[in-house]
N, C-alpha and C. Protein backbone atom coordinates (compact mmCIF):
# COMPACT_ATOMS: atom_id res chain seq x y z
N MET A 1 102.19 107.99 76.99
CA MET A 1 102.97 106.78 77.82
C MET A 1 102.01 106.41 79.00
N THR A 2 101.49 105.05 78.99
CA THR A 2 100.64 105.00 80.08
C THR A 2 101.52 104.37 81.25
N VAL A 3 101.33 104.77 82.64
CA VAL A 3 102.11 104.17 83.55
C VAL A 3 101.35 103.09 84.33
N ALA A 4 101.89 102.08 84.61
CA ALA A 4 101.40 100.95 85.33
C ALA A 4 101.13 101.09 86.83
N SER A 5 100.10 100.80 87.62
CA SER A 5 100.07 100.96 89.08
C SER A 5 99.69 99.65 89.53
N ASP A 6 100.14 99.50 90.87
CA ASP A 6 100.20 98.37 91.26
C ASP A 6 98.89 98.10 92.26
N TYR A 7 98.32 96.77 91.99
CA TYR A 7 96.93 96.49 92.63
C TYR A 7 97.04 95.07 93.45
N ARG A 8 96.19 95.02 94.32
CA ARG A 8 95.93 93.97 95.19
C ARG A 8 94.49 93.41 95.24
N LEU A 9 94.21 92.40 94.93
CA LEU A 9 93.01 91.43 94.92
C LEU A 9 93.01 90.20 96.11
N ASP A 10 92.02 90.67 96.93
CA ASP A 10 91.84 89.66 98.21
C ASP A 10 90.56 88.90 97.74
N VAL A 11 91.02 87.73 97.43
CA VAL A 11 89.97 86.90 97.31
C VAL A 11 89.02 86.19 98.40
N VAL A 12 87.81 86.53 98.57
CA VAL A 12 87.26 86.18 99.83
C VAL A 12 86.10 85.08 99.53
N THR A 13 86.08 84.19 100.62
CA THR A 13 85.15 82.92 100.48
C THR A 13 84.47 82.79 101.71
N ASP A 14 84.67 83.54 102.63
CA ASP A 14 84.47 83.16 104.09
C ASP A 14 83.52 84.40 104.29
N PRO A 15 82.36 84.48 104.94
CA PRO A 15 81.60 85.27 105.71
C PRO A 15 82.38 86.58 106.19
N ASP A 16 83.71 86.34 106.69
CA ASP A 16 84.57 87.37 107.12
C ASP A 16 85.35 87.81 106.33
N PRO A 17 85.24 89.06 105.60
CA PRO A 17 86.17 89.56 104.57
C PRO A 17 87.53 89.81 105.05
N ASP A 18 88.03 89.79 106.29
CA ASP A 18 89.18 90.23 106.89
C ASP A 18 90.05 88.98 106.68
N VAL A 19 89.46 87.83 106.28
CA VAL A 19 90.17 86.45 106.25
C VAL A 19 90.00 86.05 104.70
N PRO A 20 90.99 86.56 103.87
CA PRO A 20 90.91 86.27 102.54
C PRO A 20 91.62 84.84 102.09
N GLN A 21 90.84 84.12 101.39
CA GLN A 21 91.48 82.70 100.83
C GLN A 21 92.77 82.80 100.06
N ALA A 22 92.85 84.17 99.41
CA ALA A 22 94.12 84.39 98.52
C ALA A 22 94.25 85.74 98.33
N VAL A 23 95.45 86.13 98.21
CA VAL A 23 95.65 87.74 98.21
C VAL A 23 96.74 87.74 96.91
N LEU A 24 96.30 88.45 95.59
CA LEU A 24 97.07 88.42 94.62
C LEU A 24 97.55 89.77 94.21
N TYR A 25 98.72 89.96 93.77
CA TYR A 25 99.28 91.48 93.39
C TYR A 25 99.57 91.24 92.01
N PHE A 26 99.28 92.49 91.27
CA PHE A 26 99.51 92.41 89.84
C PHE A 26 99.78 93.97 89.47
N THR A 27 100.27 94.41 88.23
CA THR A 27 99.99 95.65 87.88
C THR A 27 99.04 95.77 86.65
N ALA A 28 98.47 96.98 86.53
CA ALA A 28 97.68 97.40 85.29
C ALA A 28 97.89 98.68 85.03
N ALA A 29 97.36 99.08 84.08
CA ALA A 29 97.60 100.46 83.40
C ALA A 29 96.11 101.41 83.66
N GLY A 30 95.77 101.24 84.80
CA GLY A 30 94.57 101.87 85.04
C GLY A 30 93.60 101.05 85.79
N VAL A 31 92.44 101.91 86.15
CA VAL A 31 91.44 101.15 87.08
C VAL A 31 90.85 100.07 86.24
N ASP A 32 90.18 100.41 84.85
CA ASP A 32 89.40 99.51 84.05
C ASP A 32 90.18 98.37 83.67
N PRO A 33 91.48 98.57 83.29
CA PRO A 33 91.99 97.17 82.96
C PRO A 33 92.29 96.34 84.52
N ALA A 34 92.55 97.23 85.57
CA ALA A 34 92.77 96.15 86.69
C ALA A 34 91.32 95.51 86.85
N CYS A 35 90.23 95.98 86.62
CA CYS A 35 89.09 95.51 87.01
C CYS A 35 88.75 94.13 86.18
N ARG A 36 89.18 94.39 85.22
CA ARG A 36 88.99 93.05 84.10
C ARG A 36 90.12 91.93 84.22
N GLN A 37 91.17 92.41 84.88
CA GLN A 37 92.37 91.54 85.39
C GLN A 37 91.87 90.80 86.49
N ALA A 38 91.11 91.59 87.44
CA ALA A 38 90.79 91.18 88.89
C ALA A 38 89.72 90.07 88.49
N GLN A 39 88.84 90.21 87.58
CA GLN A 39 87.77 89.31 87.29
C GLN A 39 88.26 87.85 86.80
N ARG A 40 89.47 88.21 85.90
CA ARG A 40 89.89 86.77 85.19
C ARG A 40 90.69 86.16 86.40
N LEU A 41 91.45 86.78 87.44
CA LEU A 41 92.26 86.33 88.36
C LEU A 41 91.09 85.57 89.45
N LEU A 42 90.24 86.17 89.85
CA LEU A 42 89.03 85.67 90.50
C LEU A 42 88.65 84.48 90.04
N ALA A 43 88.28 84.30 88.64
CA ALA A 43 87.68 83.12 88.07
C ALA A 43 88.79 81.93 88.01
N ALA A 44 89.98 82.36 88.06
CA ALA A 44 90.76 81.52 88.25
C ALA A 44 91.31 80.56 89.76
N VAL A 45 90.85 81.35 90.59
CA VAL A 45 91.14 80.75 91.93
C VAL A 45 90.02 79.90 92.04
N GLY A 46 90.32 78.60 92.77
CA GLY A 46 89.27 77.79 93.12
C GLY A 46 88.46 78.16 94.41
N GLY A 47 87.22 77.60 94.38
CA GLY A 47 86.55 78.16 95.76
C GLY A 47 85.16 78.17 95.21
N PRO A 48 84.24 78.46 96.30
CA PRO A 48 82.66 78.48 95.94
C PRO A 48 82.44 79.53 94.90
N ALA A 49 81.06 79.14 94.17
CA ALA A 49 80.64 80.11 93.17
C ALA A 49 80.32 81.66 93.76
N ASP A 50 80.18 81.69 95.01
CA ASP A 50 79.73 83.01 95.39
C ASP A 50 80.95 83.70 95.91
N ARG A 51 82.20 83.32 95.72
CA ARG A 51 83.44 84.14 95.96
C ARG A 51 83.63 85.51 95.39
N TYR A 52 84.27 86.42 96.19
CA TYR A 52 84.21 87.79 95.42
C TYR A 52 85.71 88.25 95.80
N GLY A 53 86.12 89.27 95.21
CA GLY A 53 87.07 89.81 95.46
C GLY A 53 87.15 91.59 95.76
N GLU A 54 87.97 91.97 96.62
CA GLU A 54 88.21 93.07 97.06
C GLU A 54 89.36 93.68 96.36
N LEU A 55 89.34 94.66 95.53
CA LEU A 55 90.28 95.10 94.85
C LEU A 55 90.72 96.57 95.33
N TYR A 56 92.18 96.53 95.56
CA TYR A 56 92.93 97.93 96.20
C TYR A 56 94.07 98.38 95.07
N ALA A 57 94.46 99.66 95.15
CA ALA A 57 95.19 99.97 94.57
C ALA A 57 96.13 100.63 95.53
N GLY A 58 97.49 100.66 95.21
CA GLY A 58 98.63 101.16 96.06
C GLY A 58 98.50 102.65 95.65
N ASP A 59 98.89 103.60 97.01
CA ASP A 59 99.05 104.89 96.65
C ASP A 59 100.68 105.31 96.80
N GLU A 60 100.73 106.51 96.51
CA GLU A 60 102.01 106.99 96.76
C GLU A 60 102.70 106.90 98.08
N VAL A 61 102.12 106.51 99.08
CA VAL A 61 102.66 106.40 100.37
C VAL A 61 102.44 105.06 100.82
N ASP A 62 102.39 104.11 100.17
CA ASP A 62 102.18 102.56 100.04
C ASP A 62 101.03 102.10 100.88
N ARG A 63 100.04 102.84 100.73
CA ARG A 63 98.87 102.56 101.55
C ARG A 63 98.12 101.90 100.57
N ALA A 64 96.88 100.72 100.99
CA ALA A 64 96.07 100.26 100.07
C ALA A 64 94.91 101.10 100.02
N VAL A 65 94.13 101.42 98.79
CA VAL A 65 93.05 102.27 98.84
C VAL A 65 92.07 101.30 98.20
N HIS A 66 90.91 101.11 98.57
CA HIS A 66 89.86 100.43 98.17
C HIS A 66 89.52 100.79 96.87
N VAL A 67 89.44 100.11 95.77
CA VAL A 67 88.97 100.59 94.47
C VAL A 67 87.53 100.07 94.04
N ASP A 68 87.25 98.73 94.29
CA ASP A 68 86.07 98.03 93.94
C ASP A 68 85.99 96.48 94.52
N THR A 69 84.62 96.24 94.29
CA THR A 69 84.32 94.85 94.90
C THR A 69 83.97 94.15 93.48
N ILE A 70 84.69 93.01 93.35
CA ILE A 70 84.77 92.12 92.25
C ILE A 70 83.96 90.74 92.22
N HIS A 71 82.83 90.84 91.49
CA HIS A 71 82.09 89.53 91.67
C HIS A 71 82.15 88.72 90.34
N LEU A 72 82.19 87.38 90.56
CA LEU A 72 82.48 86.54 89.52
C LEU A 72 80.96 86.90 88.55
N PRO A 73 81.08 86.79 87.23
CA PRO A 73 80.07 87.02 86.39
C PRO A 73 79.05 85.84 86.38
N ALA A 74 77.98 86.53 86.51
CA ALA A 74 76.78 85.12 86.47
C ALA A 74 76.83 84.23 85.22
């Protein structure tokens, strides 16, 4: 049985990563599926071609833990 985890993707289009264009929440059954889903979500959000996403996972204490930086595929 696979347990789904909560993830957050901050879509960044500004030089300041603390000001995301969008914040998206989703669940996935692990880090690899979460990274693939984050790429799909990032592609679906409009914006400049150089936008990227900061992927975070929720931990047991409701804190966000940085997982990866997701870039649009070239």
